[in-house]
Amino acid sequence: MLLKEIWQTKKNVDFILASVDSIPIPDNSQDFGYSLGVLHHIPDTSAALKSCTKKLKLGAPFLVYLYYALDNRSYFYRALWYMTDMIRRLICTLPEKMKRYATDLIALTVYFTFARVCLLLKLFGVNISQIPLSYYSNKSFYTMRTDARDRFGTILEKRFNRKQVEEIMYDADLE
Protein backbone atom coordinates (compact mmCIF):
# COMPACT_ATOMS: atom_id res chain seq x y z
CA MET A 1 0.00 0.00 0.00
CA LEU A 2 1.30 3.45 -0.89
CA LEU A 3 1.87 6.05 1.79
CA LYS A 4 -0.70 8.31 0.14
CA GLU A 5 -3.32 5.56 0.38
CA ILE A 6 -2.59 5.07 4.07
CA TRP A 7 -2.78 8.76 4.93
CA GLN A 8 -5.89 9.44 2.80
CA THR A 9 -7.96 7.81 5.51
CA LYS A 10 -6.96 10.61 7.91
CA LYS A 11 -9.27 13.62 8.05
CA ASN A 12 -6.44 16.07 8.84
CA VAL A 13 -4.17 15.13 5.90
CA ASP A 14 -4.39 16.56 2.39
CA PHE A 15 -2.26 15.67 -0.62
CA ILE A 16 -1.53 18.55 -2.96
CA LEU A 17 0.37 18.42 -6.23
CA ALA A 18 1.63 21.91 -7.09
CA SER A 19 4.66 23.78 -8.31
CA VAL A 20 6.71 25.36 -5.56
CA ASP A 21 5.81 28.82 -6.83
CA SER A 22 2.05 28.16 -6.73
CA ILE A 23 1.44 26.23 -3.50
CA PRO A 24 -2.34 26.53 -2.81
CA ILE A 25 -1.91 26.91 0.95
CA PRO A 26 -2.39 30.24 2.71
CA ASP A 27 0.76 32.03 3.82
CA ASN A 28 1.54 31.88 7.56
CA SER A 29 -0.76 28.88 8.07
CA GLN A 30 1.47 25.86 8.64
CA ASP A 31 2.91 24.57 11.92
CA PHE A 32 5.71 22.61 10.24
CA GLY A 33 7.21 22.20 6.80
CA TYR A 34 9.79 20.03 5.10
CA SER A 35 11.51 19.44 1.81
CA LEU A 36 13.69 16.36 1.63
CA GLY A 37 15.82 15.92 -1.46
CA VAL A 38 13.86 18.21 -3.77
CA LEU A 39 15.11 21.79 -3.69
CA HIS A 40 18.57 20.97 -5.05
CA HIS A 41 16.83 19.87 -8.27
CA ILE A 42 15.12 23.26 -8.77
CA PRO A 43 16.81 26.02 -10.79
CA ASP A 44 16.31 28.74 -8.17
CA THR A 45 16.68 26.90 -4.87
CA SER A 46 16.63 30.09 -2.82
CA ALA A 47 13.34 31.31 -4.31
CA ALA A 48 11.82 27.84 -3.91
CA LEU A 49 12.78 27.73 -0.24
CA LYS A 50 11.28 31.20 0.26
CA SER A 51 8.01 30.02 -1.33
CA CYS A 52 7.91 27.12 1.09
CA THR A 53 8.73 29.08 4.22
CA LYS A 54 6.13 31.77 3.43
CA LYS A 55 3.55 29.11 4.24
CA LEU A 56 4.87 28.66 7.81
CA LYS A 57 3.56 30.33 10.92
CA LEU A 58 6.04 32.58 12.69
CA GLY A 59 8.65 30.42 14.44
CA ALA A 60 7.49 27.16 12.83
CA PRO A 61 10.28 24.68 12.02
CA PHE A 62 11.24 23.71 8.49
CA LEU A 63 13.24 20.56 7.81
CA VAL A 64 15.31 20.75 4.65
CA TYR A 65 17.76 18.37 3.00
CA LEU A 66 20.05 19.72 0.29
CA TYR A 67 22.94 18.04 -1.46
CA TYR A 68 26.17 19.27 0.06
CA ALA A 69 29.23 20.31 -1.93
CA LEU A 70 31.49 17.54 -0.55
CA ASP A 71 33.91 20.20 0.71
CA ASN A 72 34.59 18.11 3.82
CA ARG A 73 35.56 15.03 1.80
CA SER A 74 38.95 13.87 0.54
CA TYR A 75 40.32 14.65 -2.91
CA PHE A 76 39.80 10.99 -3.87
CA TYR A 77 36.16 11.06 -2.78
CA ARG A 78 35.47 14.26 -4.75
CA ALA A 79 37.26 12.88 -7.82
CA LEU A 80 35.12 9.74 -7.65
CA TRP A 81 32.00 11.91 -7.34
CA TYR A 82 33.08 13.95 -10.39
CA MET A 83 33.40 10.76 -12.46
CA THR A 84 29.94 9.60 -11.39
CA ASP A 85 28.56 13.03 -12.22
CA MET A 86 29.77 12.62 -15.81
CA ILE A 87 27.87 9.32 -15.93
CA ARG A 88 24.80 11.04 -14.43
CA ARG A 89 24.90 13.68 -17.15
CA LEU A 90 24.61 10.92 -19.77
CA ILE A 91 22.01 8.76 -18.02
CA CYS A 92 19.63 11.61 -17.21
CA THR A 93 19.19 12.34 -20.93
CA LEU A 94 18.16 8.78 -21.84
CA PRO A 95 14.58 7.85 -22.72
CA GLU A 96 12.56 6.98 -19.61
CA LYS A 97 12.68 3.19 -19.97
CA MET A 98 16.45 3.12 -20.58
CA LYS A 99 17.00 5.55 -17.71
CA ARG A 100 15.06 3.24 -15.37
CA TYR A 101 17.10 0.21 -16.46
CA ALA A 102 20.38 2.10 -16.09
CA THR A 103 19.59 3.41 -12.61
CA ASP A 104 18.31 -0.01 -11.48
CA LEU A 105 21.54 -1.58 -12.75
CA ILE A 106 23.60 0.99 -10.82
CA ALA A 107 21.57 0.30 -7.68
CA LEU A 108 22.15 -3.45 -8.03
CA THR A 109 25.79 -3.52 -9.06
CA VAL A 110 27.22 -0.47 -7.30
CA TYR A 111 25.00 0.61 -4.39
CA PHE A 112 24.10 -2.92 -3.26
CA THR A 113 27.68 -4.20 -3.59
CA PHE A 114 29.22 -1.30 -1.66
CA ALA A 115 26.46 -1.48 0.94
CA ARG A 116 26.95 -5.17 1.63
CA VAL A 117 30.75 -4.89 1.72
CA CYS A 118 30.36 -2.03 4.22
CA LEU A 119 27.93 -4.09 6.29
CA LEU A 120 30.47 -6.93 6.43
CA LEU A 121 33.29 -4.53 7.36
CA LYS A 122 31.10 -2.98 10.04
CA LEU A 123 30.52 -6.44 11.53
CA PHE A 124 34.32 -6.75 11.88
CA GLY A 125 34.53 -3.38 13.63
CA VAL A 126 35.93 -1.39 10.68
CA ASN A 127 35.05 2.30 10.52
CA ILE A 128 33.16 2.63 7.23
CA SER A 129 32.23 6.32 7.49
CA GLN A 130 34.59 7.44 4.71
CA ILE A 131 33.67 4.69 2.25
CA PRO A 132 31.41 5.84 -0.57
CA LEU A 133 27.83 4.57 -0.21
CA SER A 134 28.47 3.32 3.34
CA TYR A 135 25.21 5.06 4.28
CA TYR A 136 23.37 2.19 2.58
CA SER A 137 24.94 -0.56 4.68
CA ASN A 138 21.71 -1.05 6.64
CA LYS A 139 19.23 0.19 4.01
CA SER A 140 16.84 -1.79 1.83
CA PHE A 141 17.37 -2.36 -1.86
CA TYR A 142 14.26 -0.24 -2.45
CA THR A 143 16.03 2.72 -0.82
CA MET A 144 19.15 2.12 -2.90
CA ARG A 145 17.07 1.92 -6.05
CA THR A 146 15.13 5.13 -5.43
CA ASP A 147 18.28 6.99 -4.42
CA ALA A 148 20.16 5.78 -7.50
CA ARG A 149 17.25 7.06 -9.59
CA ASP A 150 17.35 10.40 -7.76
CA ARG A 151 21.11 10.70 -8.17
CA PHE A 152 21.51 9.56 -11.78
CA GLY A 153 18.10 10.19 -13.32
CA THR A 154 17.70 13.93 -12.74
CA ILE A 155 18.97 16.58 -15.11
CA LEU A 156 19.55 19.33 -12.58
CA GLU A 157 21.63 18.69 -9.48
CA LYS A 158 23.00 21.52 -7.39
CA ARG A 159 25.30 21.19 -4.41
CA PHE A 160 25.81 23.69 -1.62
CA ASN A 161 28.58 24.38 0.84
CA ARG A 162 27.80 25.34 4.43
CA LYS A 163 28.00 29.09 3.77
CA GLN A 164 25.63 28.86 0.80
CA VAL A 165 23.11 26.84 2.84
CA GLU A 166 23.24 29.41 5.63
CA GLU A 167 22.70 32.24 3.12
CA ILE A 168 19.66 30.72 1.43
CA MET A 169 18.17 29.74 4.80
CA TYR A 170 18.70 33.28 6.13
CA ASP A 171 17.14 34.71 2.96
CA ALA A 172 14.10 32.48 3.59
CA ASP A 173 13.76 33.80 7.16
CA LEU A 174 15.06 30.61 8.77
CA GLU A 175 17.56 30.41 11.59
C-alpha atoms as a PDB file:
ATOM      1  CA  MET A   1       0.000   0.000   0.000  1.00  0.00           C
ATOM      2  CA  LEU A   2       1.299   3.445  -0.888  1.00  0.00           C
ATOM      3  CA  LEU A   3       1.870   6.054   1.787  1.00  0.00           C
ATOM      4  CA  LYS A   4      -0.700   8.305   0.135  1.00  0.00           C
ATOM      5  CA  GLU A   5      -3.325   5.562   0.377  1.00  0.00           C
ATOM      6  CA  ILE A   6      -2.593   5.066   4.066  1.00  0.00           C
ATOM      7  CA  TRP A   7      -2.782   8.760   4.926  1.00  0.00           C
ATOM      8  CA  GLN A   8      -5.886   9.437   2.801  1.00  0.00           C
ATOM      9  CA  THR A   9      -7.964   7.809   5.515  1.00  0.00           C
ATOM     10  CA  LYS A  10      -6.959  10.611   7.915  1.00  0.00           C
ATOM     11  CA  LYS A  11      -9.267  13.621   8.049  1.00  0.00           C
ATOM     12  CA  ASN A  12      -6.437  16.068   8.841  1.00  0.00           C
ATOM     13  CA  VAL A  13      -4.167  15.130   5.905  1.00  0.00           C
ATOM     14  CA  ASP A  14      -4.393  16.559   2.394  1.00  0.00           C
ATOM     15  CA  PHE A  15      -2.256  15.666  -0.623  1.00  0.00           C
ATOM     16  CA  ILE A  16      -1.529  18.550  -2.957  1.00  0.00           C
ATOM     17  CA  LEU A  17       0.371  18.422  -6.232  1.00  0.00           C
ATOM     18  CA  ALA A  18       1.630  21.907  -7.086  1.00  0.00           C
ATOM     19  CA  SER A  19       4.656  23.775  -8.312  1.00  0.00           C
ATOM     20  CA  VAL A  20       6.710  25.363  -5.556  1.00  0.00           C
ATOM     21  CA  ASP A  21       5.807  28.819  -6.832  1.00  0.00           C
ATOM     22  CA  SER A  22       2.055  28.162  -6.728  1.00  0.00           C
ATOM     23  CA  ILE A  23       1.435  26.234  -3.501  1.00  0.00           C
ATOM     24  CA  PRO A  24      -2.336  26.529  -2.814  1.00  0.00           C
ATOM     25  CA  ILE A  25      -1.909  26.906   0.948  1.00  0.00           C
ATOM     26  CA  PRO A  26      -2.388  30.241   2.708  1.00  0.00           C
ATOM     27  CA  ASP A  27       0.760  32.028   3.823  1.00  0.00           C
ATOM     28  CA  ASN A  28       1.541  31.880   7.562  1.00  0.00           C
ATOM     29  CA  SER A  29      -0.764  28.884   8.070  1.00  0.00           C
ATOM     30  CA  GLN A  30       1.474  25.859   8.643  1.00  0.00           C
ATOM     31  CA  ASP A  31       2.912  24.566  11.925  1.00  0.00           C
ATOM     32  CA  PHE A  32       5.712  22.607  10.239  1.00  0.00           C
ATOM     33  CA  GLY A  33       7.213  22.200   6.798  1.00  0.00           C
ATOM     34  CA  TYR A  34       9.788  20.031   5.100  1.00  0.00           C
ATOM     35  CA  SER A  35      11.507  19.436   1.807  1.00  0.00           C
ATOM     36  CA  LEU A  36      13.686  16.362   1.629  1.00  0.00           C
ATOM     37  CA  GLY A  37      15.820  15.923  -1.459  1.00  0.00           C
ATOM     38  CA  VAL A  38      13.862  18.211  -3.769  1.00  0.00           C
ATOM     39  CA  LEU A  39      15.107  21.786  -3.687  1.00  0.00           C
ATOM     40  CA  HIS A  40      18.572  20.965  -5.053  1.00  0.00           C
ATOM     41  CA  HIS A  41      16.830  19.875  -8.272  1.00  0.00           C
ATOM     42  CA  ILE A  42      15.116  23.261  -8.766  1.00  0.00           C
ATOM     43  CA  PRO A  43      16.811  26.023 -10.791  1.00  0.00           C
ATOM     44  CA  ASP A  44      16.311  28.743  -8.170  1.00  0.00           C
ATOM     45  CA  THR A  45      16.685  26.900  -4.874  1.00  0.00           C
ATOM     46  CA  SER A  46      16.633  30.089  -2.819  1.00  0.00           C
ATOM     47  CA  ALA A  47      13.343  31.312  -4.311  1.00  0.00           C
ATOM     48  CA  ALA A  48      11.818  27.844  -3.913  1.00  0.00           C
ATOM     49  CA  LEU A  49      12.780  27.727  -0.242  1.00  0.00           C
ATOM     50  CA  LYS A  50      11.276  31.198   0.264  1.00  0.00           C
ATOM     51  CA  SER A  51       8.013  30.018  -1.331  1.00  0.00           C
ATOM     52  CA  CYS A  52       7.906  27.118   1.094  1.00  0.00           C
ATOM     53  CA  THR A  53       8.733  29.078   4.222  1.00  0.00           C
ATOM     54  CA  LYS A  54       6.129  31.769   3.434  1.00  0.00           C
ATOM     55  CA  LYS A  55       3.552  29.111   4.245  1.00  0.00           C
ATOM     56  CA  LEU A  56       4.868  28.662   7.809  1.00  0.00           C
ATOM     57  CA  LYS A  57       3.556  30.335  10.920  1.00  0.00           C
ATOM     58  CA  LEU A  58       6.044  32.582  12.692  1.00  0.00           C
ATOM     59  CA  GLY A  59       8.649  30.424  14.442  1.00  0.00           C
ATOM     60  CA  ALA A  60       7.489  27.157  12.834  1.00  0.00           C
ATOM     61  CA  PRO A  61      10.279  24.682  12.018  1.00  0.00           C
ATOM     62  CA  PHE A  62      11.240  23.711   8.491  1.00  0.00           C
ATOM     63  CA  LEU A  63      13.239  20.562   7.812  1.00  0.00           C
ATOM     64  CA  VAL A  64      15.311  20.749   4.651  1.00  0.00           C
ATOM     65  CA  TYR A  65      17.763  18.374   3.001  1.00  0.00           C
ATOM     66  CA  LEU A  66      20.054  19.715   0.287  1.00  0.00           C
ATOM     67  CA  TYR A  67      22.942  18.040  -1.464  1.00  0.00           C
ATOM     68  CA  TYR A  68      26.171  19.266   0.060  1.00  0.00           C
ATOM     69  CA  ALA A  69      29.232  20.312  -1.925  1.00  0.00           C
ATOM     70  CA  LEU A  70      31.487  17.544  -0.547  1.00  0.00           C
ATOM     71  CA  ASP A  71      33.914  20.195   0.713  1.00  0.00           C
ATOM     72  CA  ASN A  72      34.590  18.111   3.821  1.00  0.00           C
ATOM     73  CA  ARG A  73      35.562  15.025   1.798  1.00  0.00           C
ATOM     74  CA  SER A  74      38.951  13.872   0.544  1.00  0.00           C
ATOM     75  CA  TYR A  75      40.315  14.649  -2.907  1.00  0.00           C
ATOM     76  CA  PHE A  76      39.800  10.987  -3.873  1.00  0.00           C
ATOM     77  CA  TYR A  77      36.160  11.062  -2.777  1.00  0.00           C
ATOM     78  CA  ARG A  78      35.467  14.260  -4.746  1.00  0.00           C
ATOM     79  CA  ALA A  79      37.260  12.876  -7.825  1.00  0.00           C
ATOM     80  CA  LEU A  80      35.118   9.742  -7.649  1.00  0.00           C
ATOM     81  CA  TRP A  81      31.998  11.907  -7.345  1.00  0.00           C
ATOM     82  CA  TYR A  82      33.080  13.945 -10.386  1.00  0.00           C
ATOM     83  CA  MET A  83      33.402  10.762 -12.456  1.00  0.00           C
ATOM     84  CA  THR A  84      29.944   9.596 -11.387  1.00  0.00           C
ATOM     85  CA  ASP A  85      28.564  13.025 -12.225  1.00  0.00           C
ATOM     86  CA  MET A  86      29.773  12.622 -15.806  1.00  0.00           C
ATOM     87  CA  ILE A  87      27.875   9.319 -15.933  1.00  0.00           C
ATOM     88  CA  ARG A  88      24.805  11.036 -14.430  1.00  0.00           C
ATOM     89  CA  ARG A  89      24.896  13.682 -17.150  1.00  0.00           C
ATOM     90  CA  LEU A  90      24.614  10.917 -19.768  1.00  0.00           C
ATOM     91  CA  ILE A  91      22.007   8.762 -18.024  1.00  0.00           C
ATOM     92  CA  CYS A  92      19.631  11.614 -17.215  1.00  0.00           C
ATOM     93  CA  THR A  93      19.185  12.335 -20.933  1.00  0.00           C
ATOM     94  CA  LEU A  94      18.165   8.775 -21.839  1.00  0.00           C
ATOM     95  CA  PRO A  95      14.578   7.846 -22.718  1.00  0.00           C
ATOM     96  CA  GLU A  96      12.558   6.979 -19.613  1.00  0.00           C
ATOM     97  CA  LYS A  97      12.676   3.188 -19.968  1.00  0.00           C
ATOM     98  CA  MET A  98      16.446   3.121 -20.581  1.00  0.00           C
ATOM     99  CA  LYS A  99      17.000   5.550 -17.708  1.00  0.00           C
ATOM    100  CA  ARG A 100      15.063   3.238 -15.367  1.00  0.00           C
ATOM    101  CA  TYR A 101      17.103   0.211 -16.462  1.00  0.00           C
ATOM    102  CA  ALA A 102      20.384   2.098 -16.088  1.00  0.00           C
ATOM    103  CA  THR A 103      19.588   3.407 -12.607  1.00  0.00           C
ATOM    104  CA  ASP A 104      18.311  -0.010 -11.478  1.00  0.00           C
ATOM    105  CA  LEU A 105      21.535  -1.580 -12.752  1.00  0.00           C
ATOM    106  CA  ILE A 106      23.605   0.991 -10.815  1.00  0.00           C
ATOM    107  CA  ALA A 107      21.573   0.298  -7.684  1.00  0.00           C
ATOM    108  CA  LEU A 108      22.145  -3.447  -8.031  1.00  0.00           C
ATOM    109  CA  THR A 109      25.787  -3.523  -9.063  1.00  0.00           C
ATOM    110  CA  VAL A 110      27.220  -0.475  -7.299  1.00  0.00           C
ATOM    111  CA  TYR A 111      25.005   0.610  -4.385  1.00  0.00           C
ATOM    112  CA  PHE A 112      24.098  -2.918  -3.263  1.00  0.00           C
ATOM    113  CA  THR A 113      27.676  -4.200  -3.595  1.00  0.00           C
ATOM    114  CA  PHE A 114      29.216  -1.298  -1.663  1.00  0.00           C
ATOM    115  CA  ALA A 115      26.460  -1.478   0.945  1.00  0.00           C
ATOM    116  CA  ARG A 116      26.950  -5.165   1.628  1.00  0.00           C
ATOM    117  CA  VAL A 117      30.752  -4.892   1.723  1.00  0.00           C
ATOM    118  CA  CYS A 118      30.359  -2.030   4.216  1.00  0.00           C
ATOM    119  CA  LEU A 119      27.933  -4.092   6.289  1.00  0.00           C
ATOM    120  CA  LEU A 120      30.471  -6.925   6.429  1.00  0.00           C
ATOM    121  CA  LEU A 121      33.285  -4.531   7.357  1.00  0.00           C
ATOM    122  CA  LYS A 122      31.098  -2.985  10.043  1.00  0.00           C
ATOM    123  CA  LEU A 123      30.523  -6.443  11.535  1.00  0.00           C
ATOM    124  CA  PHE A 124      34.319  -6.748  11.877  1.00  0.00           C
ATOM    125  CA  GLY A 125      34.526  -3.379  13.630  1.00  0.00           C
ATOM    126  CA  VAL A 126      35.926  -1.393  10.683  1.00  0.00           C
ATOM    127  CA  ASN A 127      35.053   2.299  10.520  1.00  0.00           C
ATOM    128  CA  ILE A 128      33.164   2.629   7.233  1.00  0.00           C
ATOM    129  CA  SER A 129      32.225   6.320   7.488  1.00  0.00           C
ATOM    130  CA  GLN A 130      34.586   7.442   4.710  1.00  0.00           C
ATOM    131  CA  ILE A 131      33.670   4.689   2.255  1.00  0.00           C
ATOM    132  CA  PRO A 132      31.406   5.840  -0.573  1.00  0.00           C
ATOM    133  CA  LEU A 133      27.833   4.572  -0.215  1.00  0.00           C
ATOM    134  CA  SER A 134      28.466   3.323   3.343  1.00  0.00           C
ATOM    135  CA  TYR A 135      25.210   5.059   4.284  1.00  0.00           C
ATOM    136  CA  TYR A 136      23.366   2.193   2.577  1.00  0.00           C
ATOM    137  CA  SER A 137      24.944  -0.563   4.683  1.00  0.00           C
ATOM    138  CA  ASN A 138      21.708  -1.046   6.637  1.00  0.00           C
ATOM    139  CA  LYS A 139      19.230   0.188   4.010  1.00  0.00           C
ATOM    140  CA  SER A 140      16.840  -1.787   1.825  1.00  0.00           C
ATOM    141  CA  PHE A 141      17.369  -2.365  -1.865  1.00  0.00           C
ATOM    142  CA  TYR A 142      14.263  -0.240  -2.450  1.00  0.00           C
ATOM    143  CA  THR A 143      16.030   2.721  -0.821  1.00  0.00           C
ATOM    144  CA  MET A 144      19.149   2.118  -2.899  1.00  0.00           C
ATOM    145  CA  ARG A 145      17.067   1.919  -6.053  1.00  0.00           C
ATOM    146  CA  THR A 146      15.129   5.131  -5.434  1.00  0.00           C
ATOM    147  CA  ASP A 147      18.282   6.994  -4.416  1.00  0.00           C
ATOM    148  CA  ALA A 148      20.163   5.777  -7.499  1.00  0.00           C
ATOM    149  CA  ARG A 149      17.251   7.058  -9.587  1.00  0.00           C
ATOM    150  CA  ASP A 150      17.351  10.402  -7.764  1.00  0.00           C
ATOM    151  CA  ARG A 151      21.115  10.701  -8.173  1.00  0.00           C
ATOM    152  CA  PHE A 152      21.507   9.556 -11.778  1.00  0.00           C
ATOM    153  CA  GLY A 153      18.102  10.192 -13.324  1.00  0.00           C
ATOM    154  CA  THR A 154      17.699  13.928 -12.742  1.00  0.00           C
ATOM    155  CA  ILE A 155      18.975  16.577 -15.113  1.00  0.00           C
ATOM    156  CA  LEU A 156      19.548  19.331 -12.576  1.00  0.00           C
ATOM    157  CA  GLU A 157      21.634  18.688  -9.477  1.00  0.00           C
ATOM    158  CA  LYS A 158      22.999  21.523  -7.391  1.00  0.00           C
ATOM    159  CA  ARG A 159      25.297  21.195  -4.410  1.00  0.00           C
ATOM    160  CA  PHE A 160      25.810  23.687  -1.625  1.00  0.00           C
ATOM    161  CA  ASN A 161      28.576  24.379   0.842  1.00  0.00           C
ATOM    162  CA  ARG A 162      27.797  25.342   4.429  1.00  0.00           C
ATOM    163  CA  LYS A 163      28.003  29.087   3.768  1.00  0.00           C
ATOM    164  CA  GLN A 164      25.626  28.856   0.804  1.00  0.00           C
ATOM    165  CA  VAL A 165      23.105  26.841   2.839  1.00  0.00           C
ATOM    166  CA  GLU A 166      23.243  29.408   5.630  1.00  0.00           C
ATOM    167  CA  GLU A 167      22.703  32.239   3.122  1.00  0.00           C
ATOM    168  CA  ILE A 168      19.658  30.720   1.434  1.00  0.00           C
ATOM    169  CA  MET A 169      18.172  29.744   4.800  1.00  0.00           C
ATOM    170  CA  TYR A 170      18.703  33.276   6.126  1.00  0.00           C
ATOM    171  CA  ASP A 171      17.139  34.709   2.958  1.00  0.00           C
ATOM    172  CA  ALA A 172      14.100  32.476   3.592  1.00  0.00           C
ATOM    173  CA  ASP A 173      13.759  33.802   7.163  1.00  0.00           C
ATOM    174  CA  LEU A 174      15.057  30.609   8.770  1.00  0.00           C
ATOM    175  CA  GLU A 175      17.562  30.409  11.592  1.00  0.00           C
END
